[in-house]
């Protein structure tokens, strides 16, 4: 029988009692607050007592004075952003503790099971896992959602916090999780690989041809199968056909920047596939024809120009990457077309029901059952990556709902070019769907300003991991090719600057 560690038990009981006490006090305070005040949360934009004619800085100061919670929420939001830039540091610390644990294990191969040694192992193991969790980019905003929830409970009451979280729509995270898992299935990936392979064959079928095909045709698929699905397919194929050949660091990041930017604009050929477009299409009356004639063809030109520039810059290194048996048919043979058609049907259902999470989940359950029944032609459904991405997006939505107090007046105070540039920069520190949604709530925006804000939102969607909903999916699938520190946010930002500028010029300068 193992010994009881009374200090550890006392610490656990003390922590439990403190947590329960805080929860009880917050619940009681929340009940009192909810009884005294029926004000909505987050606060309605038209309820702030600021002067619309005042300068932007003065208006924001007036709003901050009227609602101190807004300052706390925005501070936590920017701390979360800073955390994403430090994720690689935390991963490095995690690897250091894992190495210390391995060294300790080698030294004690003779078998020292003393309580002191066990405590050392436990401490190292806990620190390694804790810092690894802190280094998971997809977990960052979820981690910072906890202090945000505490701030809401302190400022507004426990009941308000519960009502806000439970009343938030998580349709997009649910959709992205299901779309990623479905699009990452073997039949769908195989079908996409065959289609893109025929495109690559036009260029000889080498690594450079595959690189161009994936980065050109792949993102445009996002206008029809949705951007999260296109990102999943492109990232998986790039990993197989390109990253597995160990390209140089510059080319690795250049490709990632191109992928994120191209996916962000590649969904603008339609009105139902890109998250920021979906946010405004119904409100502003933009249909498929409008998106294709105002955005789509310009996005195609921008993608072709950006890919051509990067191809010319790295053509020698691409030519030196000799393809091997990567992606060969070692997955288990040919897949019957009826199974592939059924998987495509599940994706179509997911797209059609994207705003109805219960129906999306119901379709996914049938998809799981179908993959079990056709197991010989399947591989295991990867859920860890999609679940982390869904967690990331859900937390980002919770944070984003508390940022409208400063984003909306900023958008409303700009003219066409400043609005486009401002929307691009805001997208880098917030999800572009949130920027588009807030813009749709600004009254009196003219048609040129509506165009400018959406152009900026999709243009800036590749600058950071948080800028576009599908980006965390690409991050999750490709970070294994970027060393133990993972993907550097700064290097991604720099790699995406050139294609971002090209896309912005295409949207704003072409007639």
Protein backbone atom coordinates (compact mmCIF):
# COMPACT_ATOMS: atom_id res chain seq x y z
CA UNK A 1 0.00 0.00 0.00
CA UNK A 2 1.43 3.36 -1.02
CA UNK A 3 2.04 5.98 1.62
CA UNK A 4 -0.32 8.92 2.00
CA UNK A 5 1.38 12.25 1.37
CA UNK A 6 -0.40 14.45 3.94
CA UNK A 7 1.17 17.78 2.83
CA UNK A 8 -0.04 17.12 -0.71
CA UNK A 9 -3.53 16.18 0.55
CA UNK A 10 -3.70 19.32 2.73
CA UNK A 11 -2.72 21.50 -0.24
CA UNK A 12 -5.34 19.89 -2.46
CA UNK A 13 -8.10 20.28 0.17
CA UNK A 14 -7.11 23.90 0.82
CA UNK A 15 -7.20 24.71 -2.90
CA UNK A 16 -10.60 23.01 -3.22
CA UNK A 17 -12.06 24.96 -0.29
CA UNK A 18 -10.70 28.25 -1.64
CA UNK A 19 -12.15 27.54 -5.08
CA UNK A 20 -15.55 26.62 -3.64
CA UNK A 21 -15.54 29.70 -1.43
CA UNK A 22 -14.73 32.01 -4.31
CA UNK A 23 -17.37 30.35 -6.47
CA UNK A 24 -20.00 30.69 -3.73
CA UNK A 25 -19.18 34.35 -3.13
CA UNK A 26 -19.18 35.09 -6.86
CA UNK A 27 -22.50 33.30 -7.26
CA UNK A 28 -24.03 35.25 -4.41
CA UNK A 29 -22.62 38.52 -5.73
CA UNK A 30 -23.86 37.64 -9.20
CA UNK A 31 -27.37 36.97 -7.94
CA UNK A 32 -27.42 40.33 -6.16
CA UNK A 33 -26.01 42.11 -9.19
CA UNK A 34 -28.51 40.49 -11.53
CA UNK A 35 -31.34 41.49 -9.18
CA UNK A 36 -30.25 45.11 -9.06
CA UNK A 37 -29.36 45.55 -12.71
CA UNK A 38 -30.87 44.22 -15.92
CA UNK A 39 -28.36 45.87 -18.27
CA UNK A 40 -27.28 43.72 -21.23
CA UNK A 41 -23.76 42.39 -21.55
CA UNK A 42 -21.66 43.24 -23.47
CA UNK A 43 -22.87 46.80 -23.27
CA UNK A 44 -24.78 48.06 -26.32
CA UNK A 45 -22.71 50.42 -28.45
CA UNK A 46 -25.43 53.09 -28.49
CA UNK A 47 -25.59 53.16 -24.68
CA UNK A 48 -22.18 54.79 -24.16
CA UNK A 49 -22.47 58.46 -23.11
CA UNK A 50 -19.72 59.66 -25.46
CA UNK A 51 -19.94 62.51 -27.95
CA UNK A 52 -20.05 61.16 -31.56
CA UNK A 53 -18.44 64.40 -32.76
CA UNK A 54 -15.47 64.09 -30.39
CA UNK A 55 -12.08 62.77 -31.59
CA UNK A 56 -11.64 59.01 -31.48
CA UNK A 57 -9.19 59.07 -28.55
CA UNK A 58 -11.55 61.23 -26.51
CA UNK A 59 -14.47 58.92 -27.27
CA UNK A 60 -12.53 55.85 -26.19
CA UNK A 61 -11.48 57.56 -22.96
CA UNK A 62 -15.10 58.50 -22.28
CA UNK A 63 -16.18 54.91 -22.88
CA UNK A 64 -13.42 53.55 -20.66
CA UNK A 65 -14.49 55.89 -17.86
CA UNK A 66 -18.12 54.86 -18.26
CA UNK A 67 -17.31 51.12 -18.35
CA UNK A 68 -14.06 50.19 -16.53
CA UNK A 69 -14.60 46.52 -17.34
CA UNK A 70 -13.89 47.27 -21.01
CA UNK A 71 -10.33 48.28 -20.12
CA UNK A 72 -9.78 45.06 -18.17
CA UNK A 73 -11.18 42.91 -20.99
CA UNK A 74 -9.02 44.61 -23.62
CA UNK A 75 -5.91 44.34 -21.43
CA UNK A 76 -6.51 40.58 -21.07
CA UNK A 77 -7.08 40.31 -24.82
CA UNK A 78 -3.74 41.92 -25.65
CA UNK A 79 -1.98 39.85 -23.00
CA UNK A 80 -3.34 36.78 -24.79
CA UNK A 81 -1.94 38.10 -28.06
CA UNK A 82 1.43 38.67 -26.40
CA UNK A 83 1.24 35.10 -25.08
CA UNK A 84 0.88 33.74 -28.64
CA UNK A 85 4.19 35.39 -29.53
CA UNK A 86 5.83 33.72 -26.52
CA UNK A 87 4.42 30.24 -27.20
CA UNK A 88 7.72 29.07 -28.69
CA UNK A 89 9.57 30.09 -25.50
CA UNK A 90 7.20 28.02 -23.37
CA UNK A 91 7.68 25.00 -25.64
CA UNK A 92 11.45 25.40 -25.30
CA UNK A 93 11.13 25.40 -21.49
CA UNK A 94 8.90 22.31 -21.72
CA UNK A 95 11.53 20.46 -23.76
CA UNK A 96 14.18 21.44 -21.22
CA UNK A 97 12.19 19.90 -18.36
CA UNK A 98 11.55 16.76 -20.46
CA UNK A 99 15.29 16.49 -21.05
CA UNK A 100 15.98 16.83 -17.31
CA UNK A 101 13.43 14.09 -16.68
CA UNK A 102 15.12 11.80 -19.21
CA UNK A 103 18.54 12.48 -17.70
CA UNK A 104 17.16 11.73 -14.24
CA UNK A 105 15.73 8.46 -15.52
CA UNK A 106 19.08 7.43 -17.02
CA UNK A 107 20.92 8.16 -13.78
CA UNK A 108 18.43 6.09 -11.80
CA UNK A 109 18.40 3.09 -14.13
CA UNK A 110 19.57 1.05 -11.16
CA UNK A 111 16.22 1.61 -9.48
CA UNK A 112 15.93 4.35 -6.85
CA UNK A 113 12.28 4.54 -5.80
CA UNK A 114 12.70 6.81 -2.77
CA UNK A 115 9.95 9.37 -1.98
CA UNK A 116 12.34 12.26 -2.67
CA UNK A 117 13.21 10.92 -6.14
CA UNK A 118 9.54 10.33 -6.93
CA UNK A 119 8.69 13.91 -5.93
CA UNK A 120 11.43 15.18 -8.22
CA UNK A 121 10.10 13.12 -11.12
CA UNK A 122 6.55 14.29 -10.48
CA UNK A 123 7.66 17.92 -10.30
CA UNK A 124 9.62 17.72 -13.55
CA UNK A 125 6.82 15.84 -15.33
CA UNK A 126 4.21 18.37 -14.19
CA UNK A 127 6.34 21.34 -15.25
CA UNK A 128 7.06 19.78 -18.63
CA UNK A 129 3.36 19.23 -19.35
CA UNK A 130 2.31 22.60 -17.92
CA UNK A 131 4.75 24.56 -20.10
CA UNK A 132 3.86 22.42 -23.12
CA UNK A 133 0.21 23.39 -22.59
CA UNK A 134 1.20 27.05 -22.28
CA UNK A 135 3.12 26.68 -25.55
CA UNK A 136 0.15 25.31 -27.50
CA UNK A 137 -0.96 28.29 -29.61
CA UNK A 138 -4.44 26.78 -29.95
CA UNK A 139 -4.79 26.77 -26.14
CA UNK A 140 -3.66 30.36 -25.50
CA UNK A 141 -6.98 32.18 -25.79
CA UNK A 142 -8.70 29.42 -23.85
CA UNK A 143 -6.21 29.91 -21.04
CA UNK A 144 -6.84 33.66 -21.01
CA UNK A 145 -10.60 33.11 -21.18
CA UNK A 146 -10.38 32.01 -17.53
CA UNK A 147 -9.21 35.40 -16.16
CA UNK A 148 -11.70 37.06 -18.54
CA UNK A 149 -14.52 35.00 -17.02
CA UNK A 150 -13.27 35.94 -13.56
CA UNK A 151 -13.20 39.63 -14.55
CA UNK A 152 -16.79 39.44 -15.83
CA UNK A 153 -17.85 37.77 -12.56
CA UNK A 154 -16.09 40.43 -10.48
CA UNK A 155 -17.33 43.44 -12.46
CA UNK A 156 -20.77 42.19 -13.50
CA UNK A 157 -21.62 39.18 -11.35
CA UNK A 158 -21.51 35.42 -11.70
CA UNK A 159 -24.90 35.24 -13.39
CA UNK A 160 -23.85 37.70 -16.09
CA UNK A 161 -20.73 35.68 -16.85
CA UNK A 162 -22.69 32.43 -17.14
CA UNK A 163 -25.36 34.09 -19.30
CA UNK A 164 -22.74 35.65 -21.59
CA UNK A 165 -20.81 32.42 -22.19
CA UNK A 166 -23.90 30.24 -22.56
CA UNK A 167 -25.57 32.80 -24.83
CA UNK A 168 -22.61 33.08 -27.20
CA UNK A 169 -23.01 31.29 -30.53
CA UNK A 170 -20.33 28.65 -31.09
CA UNK A 171 -21.64 27.64 -34.50
CA UNK A 172 -18.35 28.54 -36.22
CA UNK A 173 -16.07 26.52 -33.90
CA UNK A 174 -18.38 23.50 -34.19
CA UNK A 175 -18.41 23.85 -37.96
CA UNK A 176 -14.61 24.15 -38.16
CA UNK A 177 -14.06 21.06 -35.97
CA UNK A 178 -16.38 18.93 -38.11
CA UNK A 179 -15.10 20.36 -41.41
CA UNK A 180 -11.48 19.69 -40.41
CA UNK A 181 -12.17 16.14 -39.28
CA UNK A 182 -14.22 15.35 -42.39
CA UNK A 183 -11.87 17.00 -44.88
CA UNK A 184 -8.91 15.21 -43.29
CA UNK A 185 -10.36 11.77 -44.01
CA UNK A 186 -8.49 9.44 -46.33
CA UNK A 187 -11.12 9.40 -49.15
CA UNK A 188 -11.41 13.21 -49.28
CA UNK A 189 -7.67 13.73 -49.09
CA UNK A 190 -7.11 11.11 -51.77
CA UNK A 191 -9.69 12.69 -54.06
CA UNK A 192 -8.16 16.16 -53.60
CA UNK A 193 -4.69 14.74 -54.18
CA UNK A 194 -5.79 13.17 -57.47
CA UNK A 195 -7.36 16.45 -58.65
CA UNK A 196 -4.36 18.56 -57.66
CA UNK A 197 -2.03 15.88 -59.04
CA UNK A 198 -3.53 16.31 -62.48
CA UNK A 199 -2.91 20.04 -62.19
CA UNK A 200 0.66 19.40 -61.03
CA UNK A 201 1.18 17.01 -63.95
CA UNK A 202 0.82 19.95 -66.32
CA UNK A 203 4.08 21.25 -64.83
CA UNK A 204 5.88 17.92 -64.86
CA UNK A 205 4.69 16.55 -61.53
CA UNK A 206 7.80 17.59 -59.57
CA UNK A 207 7.93 19.27 -56.18
CA UNK A 208 7.70 22.77 -57.69
CA UNK A 209 4.64 21.76 -59.72
CA UNK A 210 2.94 20.32 -56.65
CA UNK A 211 3.86 23.44 -54.65
CA UNK A 212 2.25 25.71 -57.25
CA UNK A 213 -0.82 23.51 -57.66
CA UNK A 214 -1.53 23.28 -53.94
CA UNK A 215 -1.00 27.00 -53.31
CA UNK A 216 -3.03 28.08 -56.36
CA UNK A 217 -5.91 25.68 -56.90
CA UNK A 218 -6.16 24.57 -53.26
CA UNK A 219 -7.14 27.95 -51.76
CA UNK A 220 -9.72 28.54 -54.50
CA UNK A 221 -11.45 25.34 -53.39
CA UNK A 222 -12.25 27.28 -50.23
CA UNK A 223 -14.97 29.17 -52.10
CA UNK A 224 -16.88 25.92 -52.56
CA UNK A 225 -15.94 23.46 -49.79
CA UNK A 226 -15.27 26.27 -47.23
CA UNK A 227 -11.97 27.70 -46.11
CA UNK A 228 -11.44 25.37 -43.10
CA UNK A 229 -11.81 22.33 -45.36
CA UNK A 230 -9.51 23.83 -48.01
CA UNK A 231 -6.92 24.68 -45.33
CA UNK A 232 -6.99 21.13 -44.00
CA UNK A 233 -6.52 19.60 -47.44
CA UNK A 234 -3.79 22.05 -48.51
CA UNK A 235 -1.87 21.71 -45.23
CA UNK A 236 -1.97 17.92 -45.33
CA UNK A 237 -0.82 17.81 -48.96
CA UNK A 238 1.91 20.39 -48.40
CA UNK A 239 3.14 18.35 -45.45
CA UNK A 240 3.25 15.23 -47.61
CA UNK A 241 4.51 16.65 -50.89
CA UNK A 242 6.66 19.57 -49.75
CA UNK A 243 7.50 19.94 -46.04
CA UNK A 244 8.47 16.27 -45.69
CA UNK A 245 11.35 16.97 -48.13
CA UNK A 246 12.91 19.33 -45.54
CA UNK A 247 13.07 22.69 -47.37
CA UNK A 248 15.11 25.56 -45.94
CA UNK A 249 13.72 27.80 -43.18
CA UNK A 250 13.06 30.77 -45.47
CA UNK A 251 11.12 28.67 -47.96
CA UNK A 252 9.22 26.94 -45.14
CA UNK A 253 7.94 30.25 -43.77
CA UNK A 254 7.39 31.79 -47.21
CA UNK A 255 5.17 28.84 -48.10
CA UNK A 256 3.27 29.10 -44.83
CA UNK A 257 2.70 32.84 -45.33
CA UNK A 258 1.46 32.23 -48.88
CA UNK A 259 -0.85 29.46 -47.70
CA UNK A 260 -2.47 31.54 -44.96
CA UNK A 261 -2.94 34.62 -47.17
CA UNK A 262 -4.18 32.64 -50.17
CA UNK A 263 -6.69 30.71 -48.07
CA UNK A 264 -7.98 33.95 -46.57
CA UNK A 265 -8.73 35.51 -49.98
CA UNK A 266 -9.46 32.24 -51.81
CA UNK A 267 -12.90 31.99 -50.23
CA UNK A 268 -14.15 35.27 -51.69
CA UNK A 269 -15.43 33.81 -54.96
CA UNK A 270 -18.68 32.90 -53.17
CA UNK A 271 -20.81 34.36 -50.40
CA UNK A 272 -21.03 31.29 -48.13
CA UNK A 273 -17.52 29.87 -47.64
CA UNK A 274 -15.28 32.50 -46.00
CA UNK A 275 -16.18 33.36 -42.37
CA UNK A 276 -15.83 37.18 -42.77
CA UNK A 277 -17.95 37.11 -45.94
CA UNK A 278 -20.65 35.07 -44.21
CA UNK A 279 -20.79 37.69 -41.45
CA UNK A 280 -21.81 40.48 -43.84
CA UNK A 281 -23.32 38.82 -46.92
CA UNK A 282 -26.90 38.68 -45.66
CA UNK A 283 -26.83 42.05 -43.87
CA UNK A 284 -25.39 43.91 -46.86
CA UNK A 285 -27.21 41.90 -49.54
CA UNK A 286 -24.09 40.48 -51.21
CA UNK A 287 -24.81 37.34 -53.24
CA UNK A 288 -22.63 34.94 -55.26
CA UNK A 289 -22.59 37.20 -58.33
CA UNK A 290 -21.57 40.23 -56.30
CA UNK A 291 -18.69 38.41 -54.58
CA UNK A 292 -17.42 36.90 -57.83
CA UNK A 293 -17.49 40.19 -59.76
CA UNK A 294 -16.22 42.47 -56.96
CA UNK A 295 -13.80 40.24 -55.04
CA UNK A 296 -13.35 36.79 -56.61
CA UNK A 297 -11.54 37.57 -59.83
CA UNK A 298 -9.26 40.02 -58.04
CA UNK A 299 -8.39 37.34 -55.48
CA UNK A 300 -7.44 34.96 -58.31
CA UNK A 301 -5.12 37.56 -59.85
CA UNK A 302 -3.56 38.33 -56.47
CA UNK A 303 -2.93 34.63 -55.75
CA UNK A 304 -1.32 34.10 -59.17
CA UNK A 305 0.94 37.15 -58.82
CA UNK A 306 2.03 36.32 -55.23
CA UNK A 307 2.73 32.68 -56.10
CA UNK A 308 4.71 33.69 -59.18
CA UNK A 309 6.89 36.12 -57.20
CA UNK A 310 7.66 33.57 -54.49
CA UNK A 311 8.23 30.85 -57.10
CA UNK A 312 10.80 32.99 -58.94
CA UNK A 313 12.47 33.85 -55.63
CA UNK A 314 12.82 30.20 -54.53
CA UNK A 315 12.86 28.37 -57.88
CA UNK A 316 16.37 26.94 -57.38
CA UNK A 317 15.59 25.57 -53.93
CA UNK A 318 12.30 24.14 -55.16
CA UNK A 319 14.09 22.45 -58.06
CA UNK A 320 16.56 20.88 -55.61
CA UNK A 321 13.77 19.22 -53.60
CA UNK A 322 13.55 15.79 -55.23
CA UNK A 323 10.23 14.02 -54.62
CA UNK A 324 10.34 10.49 -53.29
CA UNK A 325 7.62 8.05 -52.38
CA UNK A 326 5.83 10.74 -50.39
CA UNK A 327 2.11 10.40 -50.71
CA UNK A 328 2.36 7.14 -52.63
CA UNK A 329 -0.52 4.70 -52.53
CA UNK A 330 0.79 2.97 -49.41
CA UNK A 331 -2.41 3.94 -47.63
CA UNK A 332 -4.24 0.78 -48.56
CA UNK A 333 -5.11 0.75 -52.25
CA UNK A 334 -7.79 2.33 -54.36
CA UNK A 335 -10.90 3.68 -52.67
CA UNK A 336 -14.30 2.92 -54.25
CA UNK A 337 -15.83 6.02 -55.75
CA UNK A 338 -19.08 5.53 -53.82
CA UNK A 339 -17.19 5.93 -50.52
CA UNK A 340 -15.47 9.10 -51.75
CA UNK A 341 -18.82 10.45 -52.98
CA UNK A 342 -20.37 9.75 -49.57
CA UNK A 343 -17.58 11.69 -47.84
CA UNK A 344 -18.05 14.62 -50.20
CA UNK A 345 -21.75 14.43 -49.41
CA UNK A 346 -20.97 14.74 -45.70
CA UNK A 347 -18.89 17.87 -46.43
CA UNK A 348 -21.76 19.34 -48.48
CA UNK A 349 -24.17 18.65 -45.60
CA UNK A 350 -21.77 20.32 -43.14
CA UNK A 351 -21.51 23.41 -45.36
CA UNK A 352 -25.27 23.63 -45.85
CA UNK A 353 -25.96 23.29 -42.12
CA UNK A 354 -23.00 25.39 -40.95
CA UNK A 355 -25.23 27.76 -38.94
CA UNK A 356 -27.12 24.93 -37.24
CA UNK A 357 -24.70 23.16 -34.84
CA UNK A 358 -27.12 20.36 -33.81
CA UNK A 359 -27.53 19.32 -37.46
CA UNK A 360 -23.78 19.61 -38.08
CA UNK A 361 -23.09 17.35 -35.08
CA UNK A 362 -25.80 14.91 -36.18
CA UNK A 363 -24.20 14.67 -39.63
CA UNK A 364 -20.80 14.15 -38.03
CA UNK A 365 -22.10 11.25 -35.94
CA UNK A 366 -23.40 9.59 -39.11
CA UNK A 367 -20.02 10.30 -40.71
CA UNK A 368 -18.25 8.50 -37.85
CA UNK A 369 -20.60 5.55 -38.20
CA UNK A 370 -19.95 5.43 -41.95
CA UNK A 371 -16.18 5.45 -41.49
CA UNK A 372 -16.50 2.59 -38.99
CA UNK A 373 -18.55 0.59 -41.48
CA UNK A 374 -16.00 1.20 -44.27
CA UNK A 375 -12.93 0.89 -42.06
CA UNK A 376 -10.80 -0.92 -44.64
CA UNK A 377 -10.74 2.23 -46.76
CA UNK A 378 -10.28 4.68 -43.88
CA UNK A 379 -7.66 5.78 -41.44
CA UNK A 380 -8.34 6.86 -37.89
CA UNK A 381 -10.25 10.14 -37.65
CA UNK A 382 -7.88 12.77 -36.28
CA UNK A 383 -9.75 14.68 -33.57
CA UNK A 384 -7.01 16.21 -31.41
CA UNK A 385 -6.11 18.92 -33.93
CA UNK A 386 -9.71 19.83 -34.80
CA UNK A 387 -10.71 19.92 -31.12
CA UNK A 388 -7.81 22.23 -30.24
CA UNK A 389 -8.70 24.50 -33.14
CA UNK A 390 -12.34 24.56 -32.05
CA UNK A 391 -11.24 25.42 -28.50
CA UNK A 392 -9.11 28.24 -29.88
CA UNK A 393 -11.96 29.72 -31.94
CA UNK A 394 -14.52 29.40 -29.15
CA UNK A 395 -12.24 31.27 -26.76
CA UNK A 396 -11.49 33.89 -29.42
CA UNK A 397 -15.23 34.50 -29.87
CA UNK A 398 -15.62 34.98 -26.13
CA UNK A 399 -12.78 37.50 -26.08
CA UNK A 400 -13.89 39.21 -29.29
CA UNK A 401 -17.37 39.91 -27.98
CA UNK A 402 -15.83 42.18 -25.33
CA UNK A 403 -13.75 44.22 -27.82
CA UNK A 404 -16.50 45.94 -29.81
CA UNK A 405 -16.37 49.03 -27.57
CA UNK A 406 -13.15 50.21 -29.25
CA UNK A 407 -13.20 48.39 -32.62
CA UNK A 408 -16.58 49.71 -33.79
CA UNK A 409 -15.82 53.44 -33.29
CA UNK A 410 -12.39 52.95 -34.83
CA UNK A 411 -13.93 51.45 -37.97
CA UNK A 412 -16.61 54.13 -38.11
CA UNK A 413 -14.08 56.98 -37.95
CA UNK A 414 -12.00 56.05 -41.03
CA UNK A 415 -12.25 56.85 -44.74
CA UNK A 416 -11.78 54.33 -47.59
CA UNK A 417 -8.00 53.76 -47.72
CA UNK A 418 -7.39 54.24 -43.99
CA UNK A 419 -10.33 51.91 -43.32
CA UNK A 420 -8.90 49.22 -45.57
CA UNK A 421 -5.44 49.49 -43.96
CA UNK A 422 -6.94 49.72 -40.48
CA UNK A 423 -9.10 46.66 -41.11
CA UNK A 424 -6.01 44.77 -42.30
CA UNK A 425 -4.06 45.64 -39.15
CA UNK A 426 -7.01 44.97 -36.83
CA UNK A 427 -7.42 41.57 -38.44
CA UNK A 428 -3.85 40.72 -37.42
CA UNK A 429 -4.85 41.02 -33.74
CA UNK A 430 -8.41 39.74 -34.03
CA UNK A 431 -10.31 37.23 -36.11
CA UNK A 432 -11.30 38.79 -39.46
CA UNK A 433 -14.83 37.42 -39.06
CA UNK A 434 -15.15 39.50 -35.88
CA UNK A 435 -13.93 42.62 -37.72
CA UNK A 436 -16.45 42.04 -40.51
CA UNK A 437 -19.24 41.38 -38.02
CA UNK A 438 -18.55 44.60 -36.10
CA UNK A 439 -18.42 46.53 -39.39
CA UNK A 440 -21.86 45.17 -40.28
CA UNK A 441 -23.15 46.69 -37.03
CA UNK A 442 -21.81 50.19 -37.80
CA UNK A 443 -24.73 52.30 -39.07
CA UNK A 444 -24.47 54.41 -42.21
CA UNK A 445 -21.47 52.76 -43.89
CA UNK A 446 -21.42 53.61 -47.60
CA UNK A 447 -20.88 50.91 -50.25
CA UNK A 448 -17.21 51.92 -50.84
CA UNK A 449 -16.54 51.71 -47.09
CA UNK A 450 -18.24 48.30 -46.87
CA UNK A 451 -16.01 47.08 -49.68
CA UNK A 452 -12.90 48.55 -48.05
CA UNK A 453 -13.48 46.98 -44.64
CA UNK A 454 -14.08 43.49 -46.08
CA UNK A 455 -11.12 43.84 -48.45
CA UNK A 456 -8.92 44.67 -45.47
CA UNK A 457 -10.34 41.83 -43.38
CA UNK A 458 -9.61 39.13 -45.97
CA UNK A 459 -6.28 40.73 -46.99
CA UNK A 460 -4.91 40.64 -43.44
CA UNK A 461 -6.13 37.11 -42.77
CA UNK A 462 -2.69 35.56 -43.18
CA UNK A 463 -0.59 37.82 -40.99
CA UNK A 464 -1.05 35.86 -37.74
CA UNK A 465 -2.49 32.58 -36.55
CA UNK A 466 -5.49 34.36 -34.99
CA UNK A 467 -6.29 36.48 -38.06
CA UNK A 468 -8.47 33.92 -39.86
CA UNK A 469 -10.50 31.01 -38.51
CA UNK A 470 -8.79 28.29 -40.64
CA UNK A 471 -5.25 29.42 -39.68
CA UNK A 472 -5.12 27.43 -36.42
CA UNK A 473 -5.93 24.33 -38.48
CA UNK A 474 -2.91 24.96 -40.69
CA UNK A 475 -0.80 25.73 -37.63
CA UNK A 476 -1.85 22.48 -35.96
CA UNK A 477 -1.14 20.34 -39.04
CA UNK A 478 2.19 21.92 -40.06
CA UNK A 479 3.95 22.96 -36.86
CA UNK A 480 5.75 19.59 -36.68
CA UNK A 481 7.90 20.76 -39.63
CA UNK A 482 9.15 23.89 -37.82
CA UNK A 483 11.32 22.43 -35.08
CA UNK A 484 10.74 22.02 -31.38
CA UNK A 485 9.80 25.70 -30.95
CA UNK A 486 6.95 25.42 -33.43
CA UNK A 487 5.93 28.22 -35.78
CA UNK A 488 7.34 31.64 -34.90
CA UNK A 489 4.58 34.30 -35.00
CA UNK A 490 7.09 36.99 -35.98
CA UNK A 491 8.55 34.98 -38.87
CA UNK A 492 5.05 34.11 -40.08
CA UNK A 493 4.11 37.80 -40.00
CA UNK A 494 7.18 38.77 -42.02
CA UNK A 495 6.67 35.95 -44.53
CA UNK A 496 3.05 37.01 -45.10
CA UNK A 497 3.80 40.72 -45.65
CA UNK A 498 4.56 40.49 -49.38
CA UNK A 499 1.49 38.45 -50.38
CA UNK A 500 -0.63 40.61 -48.06
CA UNK A 501 0.55 43.76 -49.87
CA UNK A 502 -0.14 42.12 -53.25
CA UNK A 503 -3.67 41.13 -52.23
CA UNK A 504 -4.38 44.57 -50.85
CA UNK A 505 -3.23 46.19 -54.09
CA UNK A 506 -5.34 43.77 -56.13
CA UNK A 507 -8.50 44.55 -54.18
CA UNK A 508 -8.00 48.31 -53.99
CA UNK A 509 -6.35 49.19 -57.32
CA UNK A 510 -8.03 46.88 -59.83
CA UNK A 511 -11.28 48.34 -61.19
